C-alpha cells in the first residue's frame, strides 16, 4: 500500500465482517470426513482424529462412531433440508437443521445459521 493511502469501508457490511471473523476463530483445521455409519442410516461417523478451533483454541476430536441423527425432524416428501454438524470446545457434537425448501438450490442458498462458539464440521 502506498504511503498515505487510506482504506475505506465502502460497501462493507460490519455485520457480515463480524460473521467472517467469528468463523475464523471457530473452524476446522483438518478435513472432517462424514459418512453414514455402518450401523444404519440414522447415524454418522468420522475417521481418524481431527483438529479444530473454538474461540481461537486449538482442539482435537477422536473419530466419531455411530453419532445419532434421530433428533432431526422428518423432511416432507419433495422437500429439501440441510443439516449443520458442529463441535463445541468439549468435543460434543451438535446438529442444527435448516428449514424445508422446494428445491435443492433454494436449500443450499439458505443453510442453517452457525452457532456461536462452535466449529462447523459438516
C-alpha atoms as a PDB file:
ATOM      1  CA  UNK A   1       0.000   0.000   0.000  1.00  0.00           C
ATOM      2  CA  UNK A   2       1.377   3.385  -0.937  1.00  0.00           C
ATOM      3  CA  UNK A   3       2.335   5.769   1.831  1.00  0.00           C
ATOM      4  CA  UNK A   4      -0.605   7.949   2.801  1.00  0.00           C
ATOM      5  CA  UNK A   5      -3.166   5.613   1.184  1.00  0.00           C
ATOM      6  CA  UNK A   6      -6.381   5.138   3.104  1.00  0.00           C
ATOM      7  CA  UNK A   7      -8.561   2.076   3.442  1.00  0.00           C
ATOM      8  CA  UNK A   8     -12.205   2.963   3.113  1.00  0.00           C
ATOM      9  CA  UNK A   9     -15.078   0.703   4.095  1.00  0.00           C
ATOM     10  CA  UNK A  10     -17.236   1.299   1.055  1.00  0.00           C
ATOM     11  CA  UNK A  11     -19.719  -1.500   0.653  1.00  0.00           C
ATOM     12  CA  UNK A  12     -18.533  -3.365   3.742  1.00  0.00           C
ATOM     13  CA  UNK A  13     -21.356  -4.549   5.947  1.00  0.00           C
ATOM     14  CA  UNK A  14     -19.999  -4.650   9.503  1.00  0.00           C
ATOM     15  CA  UNK A  15     -22.396  -7.444  10.477  1.00  0.00           C
ATOM     16  CA  UNK A  16     -21.060  -9.624   7.654  1.00  0.00           C
ATOM     17  CA  UNK A  17     -17.482  -8.789   8.631  1.00  0.00           C
ATOM     18  CA  UNK A  18     -18.163  -9.854  12.225  1.00  0.00           C
ATOM     19  CA  UNK A  19     -19.532 -13.193  10.959  1.00  0.00           C
ATOM     20  CA  UNK A  20     -16.367 -13.785   8.922  1.00  0.00           C
ATOM     21  CA  UNK A  21     -14.162 -13.016  11.912  1.00  0.00           C
ATOM     22  CA  UNK A  22     -16.194 -15.333  14.153  1.00  0.00           C
ATOM     23  CA  UNK A  23     -15.805 -18.150  11.624  1.00  0.00           C
ATOM     24  CA  UNK A  24     -12.014 -17.646  11.639  1.00  0.00           C
ATOM     25  CA  UNK A  25     -11.826 -18.462  15.364  1.00  0.00           C
ATOM     26  CA  UNK A  26     -14.291 -21.374  15.085  1.00  0.00           C
ATOM     27  CA  UNK A  27     -13.067 -23.523  12.204  1.00  0.00           C
ATOM     28  CA  UNK A  28     -11.792 -26.986  11.324  1.00  0.00           C
ATOM     29  CA  UNK A  29      -8.017 -27.258  10.952  1.00  0.00           C
ATOM     30  CA  UNK A  30      -8.200 -30.653   9.236  1.00  0.00           C
ATOM     31  CA  UNK A  31     -10.795 -32.091   6.880  1.00  0.00           C
ATOM     32  CA  UNK A  32     -13.516 -33.988   8.711  1.00  0.00           C
ATOM     33  CA  UNK A  33     -14.869 -36.846   6.592  1.00  0.00           C
ATOM     34  CA  UNK A  34     -18.508 -37.529   7.475  1.00  0.00           C
ATOM     35  CA  UNK A  35     -20.089 -40.777   6.325  1.00  0.00           C
ATOM     36  CA  UNK A  36     -23.180 -42.860   7.026  1.00  0.00           C
ATOM     37  CA  UNK A  37     -22.173 -45.245   9.800  1.00  0.00           C
ATOM     38  CA  UNK A  38     -22.205 -48.991   9.069  1.00  0.00           C
ATOM     39  CA  UNK A  39     -24.773 -49.338  11.862  1.00  0.00           C
ATOM     40  CA  UNK A  40     -27.502 -47.656   9.828  1.00  0.00           C
ATOM     41  CA  UNK A  41     -28.743 -44.567   8.080  1.00  0.00           C
ATOM     42  CA  UNK A  42     -29.777 -42.893  11.363  1.00  0.00           C
ATOM     43  CA  UNK A  43     -26.137 -42.493  12.440  1.00  0.00           C
ATOM     44  CA  UNK A  44     -22.951 -40.994  11.001  1.00  0.00           C
ATOM     45  CA  UNK A  45     -19.244 -41.423  11.684  1.00  0.00           C
ATOM     46  CA  UNK A  46     -15.882 -39.766  11.009  1.00  0.00           C
ATOM     47  CA  UNK A  47     -12.485 -41.340  10.516  1.00  0.00           C
ATOM     48  CA  UNK A  48      -9.320 -40.584  12.457  1.00  0.00           C
ATOM     49  CA  UNK A  49      -8.513 -37.760  14.844  1.00  0.00           C
ATOM     50  CA  UNK A  50      -9.214 -34.275  13.531  1.00  0.00           C
ATOM     51  CA  UNK A  51      -8.125 -30.824  14.676  1.00  0.00           C
ATOM     52  CA  UNK A  52     -10.408 -27.810  15.034  1.00  0.00           C
ATOM     53  CA  UNK A  53     -10.643 -24.419  16.724  1.00  0.00           C
ATOM     54  CA  UNK A  54     -13.294 -22.955  19.021  1.00  0.00           C
ATOM     55  CA  UNK A  55     -12.842 -19.352  20.166  1.00  0.00           C
ATOM     56  CA  UNK A  56      -9.273 -19.484  18.857  1.00  0.00           C
ATOM     57  CA  UNK A  57      -8.343 -22.511  20.990  1.00  0.00           C
ATOM     58  CA  UNK A  58      -6.837 -25.468  19.069  1.00  0.00           C
ATOM     59  CA  UNK A  59      -8.546 -28.760  19.936  1.00  0.00           C
ATOM     60  CA  UNK A  60      -8.704 -32.340  18.673  1.00  0.00           C
ATOM     61  CA  UNK A  61     -11.584 -34.771  18.314  1.00  0.00           C
ATOM     62  CA  UNK A  62     -11.145 -38.524  18.071  1.00  0.00           C
ATOM     63  CA  UNK A  63     -13.088 -40.386  15.397  1.00  0.00           C
ATOM     64  CA  UNK A  64     -16.843 -40.186  15.885  1.00  0.00           C
ATOM     65  CA  UNK A  65     -18.585 -43.556  15.747  1.00  0.00           C
ATOM     66  CA  UNK A  66     -22.346 -44.040  15.408  1.00  0.00           C
ATOM     67  CA  UNK A  67     -23.436 -40.453  16.164  1.00  0.00           C
ATOM     68  CA  UNK A  68     -27.248 -40.463  16.179  1.00  0.00           C
ATOM     69  CA  UNK A  69     -29.244 -38.119  13.968  1.00  0.00           C
ATOM     70  CA  UNK A  70     -32.598 -39.304  15.313  1.00  0.00           C
ATOM     71  CA  UNK A  71     -33.275 -35.889  16.889  1.00  0.00           C
ATOM     72  CA  UNK A  72     -33.725 -34.291  13.459  1.00  0.00           C
ATOM     73  CA  UNK A  73     -37.205 -33.500  12.196  1.00  0.00           C
ATOM     74  CA  UNK A  74     -38.575 -35.532   9.315  1.00  0.00           C
ATOM     75  CA  UNK A  75     -38.359 -33.700   5.995  1.00  0.00           C
ATOM     76  CA  UNK A  76     -41.607 -33.973   3.993  1.00  0.00           C
ATOM     77  CA  UNK A  77     -41.579 -35.705   0.627  1.00  0.00           C
ATOM     78  CA  UNK A  78     -40.473 -33.460  -2.265  1.00  0.00           C
ATOM     79  CA  UNK A  79     -38.786 -31.020   0.143  1.00  0.00           C
ATOM     80  CA  UNK A  80     -35.107 -30.307   0.844  1.00  0.00           C
ATOM     81  CA  UNK A  81     -33.399 -29.526   4.158  1.00  0.00           C
ATOM     82  CA  UNK A  82     -29.792 -29.004   5.215  1.00  0.00           C
ATOM     83  CA  UNK A  83     -28.111 -30.023   8.477  1.00  0.00           C
ATOM     84  CA  UNK A  84     -25.087 -28.312  10.017  1.00  0.00           C
ATOM     85  CA  UNK A  85     -22.843 -30.590  12.140  1.00  0.00           C
ATOM     86  CA  UNK A  86     -20.943 -28.710  14.853  1.00  0.00           C
ATOM     87  CA  UNK A  87     -18.474 -29.354  17.696  1.00  0.00           C
ATOM     88  CA  UNK A  88     -18.136 -27.321  20.865  1.00  0.00           C
ATOM     89  CA  UNK A  89     -14.925 -26.913  22.880  1.00  0.00           C
ATOM     90  CA  UNK A  90     -15.686 -30.090  24.864  1.00  0.00           C
ATOM     91  CA  UNK A  91     -15.982 -32.104  21.631  1.00  0.00           C
ATOM     92  CA  UNK A  92     -19.739 -32.571  21.915  1.00  0.00           C
ATOM     93  CA  UNK A  93     -21.468 -32.994  18.562  1.00  0.00           C
ATOM     94  CA  UNK A  94     -24.445 -30.754  17.810  1.00  0.00           C
ATOM     95  CA  UNK A  95     -26.865 -30.752  14.882  1.00  0.00           C
ATOM     96  CA  UNK A  96     -28.647 -27.686  13.511  1.00  0.00           C
ATOM     97  CA  UNK A  97     -31.388 -28.373  10.982  1.00  0.00           C
ATOM     98  CA  UNK A  98     -32.455 -25.752   8.465  1.00  0.00           C
ATOM     99  CA  UNK A  99     -35.880 -25.148   7.035  1.00  0.00           C
ATOM    100  CA  UNK A 100     -37.724 -27.143   4.376  1.00  0.00           C
ATOM    101  CA  UNK A 101     -37.407 -25.824   0.829  1.00  0.00           C
ATOM    102  CA  UNK A 102     -38.959 -26.646  -2.536  1.00  0.00           C
ATOM    103  CA  UNK A 103     -35.639 -27.044  -4.374  1.00  0.00           C
ATOM    104  CA  UNK A 104     -32.047 -28.042  -3.654  1.00  0.00           C
ATOM    105  CA  UNK A 105     -30.878 -24.676  -4.998  1.00  0.00           C
ATOM    106  CA  UNK A 106     -33.103 -22.780  -2.559  1.00  0.00           C
ATOM    107  CA  UNK A 107     -31.987 -25.050   0.287  1.00  0.00           C
ATOM    108  CA  UNK A 108     -28.285 -24.500  -0.462  1.00  0.00           C
ATOM    109  CA  UNK A 109     -28.849 -20.742  -0.624  1.00  0.00           C
ATOM    110  CA  UNK A 110     -30.350 -20.792   2.895  1.00  0.00           C
ATOM    111  CA  UNK A 111     -28.180 -23.002   5.134  1.00  0.00           C
ATOM    112  CA  UNK A 112     -28.888 -23.188   8.870  1.00  0.00           C
ATOM    113  CA  UNK A 113     -27.083 -20.481  10.823  1.00  0.00           C
ATOM    114  CA  UNK A 114     -23.799 -21.325  12.518  1.00  0.00           C
ATOM    115  CA  UNK A 115     -23.897 -21.402  16.312  1.00  0.00           C
ATOM    116  CA  UNK A 116     -21.637 -19.176  18.395  1.00  0.00           C
ATOM    117  CA  UNK A 117     -18.563 -20.820  19.979  1.00  0.00           C
ATOM    118  CA  UNK A 118     -18.943 -23.950  17.856  1.00  0.00           C
ATOM    119  CA  UNK A 119     -16.967 -25.280  14.899  1.00  0.00           C
ATOM    120  CA  UNK A 120     -18.859 -26.438  11.815  1.00  0.00           C
ATOM    121  CA  UNK A 121     -17.514 -29.790  10.597  1.00  0.00           C
ATOM    122  CA  UNK A 122     -20.163 -30.642   8.035  1.00  0.00           C
END
